[in-house]
Amino acid sequence: MFDFSQLITTNFWFARNPGEAGEYFTRLAFIFGFLFLVALVIYIFTTKIKRKGIDPIWSKLWGKIYTCLFTTSIVGGIIMFLRYEKIPFLSMRFLMLLTLLGLAVWLIFILVYYLKNFRRELADHLEQKRKAKYLQ
């Protein structure tokens, strides 16, 4: 059973050699692999949208999500590889925590973009398309 009291100790987060990769290592591997696959699907989806010329505003939003997931999955994969190879300092749990916090912050910024700017940009784009239809 995992001892949750060790989560508040600095020795747990900043251990030079965190030890054997255990059960949480396998779970994180699946999480980062899943993020990579989702990013790949989004990339294929956005390239098809760009090729067909459908709404560049939606393509911009999906591009932001793709960049977030792809970057986080690659950085997480590198940190997991360093952990697997037991490289001191570069395999600290703190770096994994920073990666996951970075993912959360990035997703919050994307959510703020969606709630504030995306709807306005989409409405402006649709208005321009409507005007262009009558000007031709």
Foldseek 3Di string as FASTA:
>chain_A
DDDPVCVPDPCQQQPQQNDDQDDVLVVLLVVLVVLQVVLVVLVVVLVVCVVVVHDVLVSVLSVLSSVLSNVLSVQSVVLSVCNNVRHTPSNGNNSVVVSVVSSVVSVVVSVVCCVPPSVVVVVVVVVVVVVVVVVD
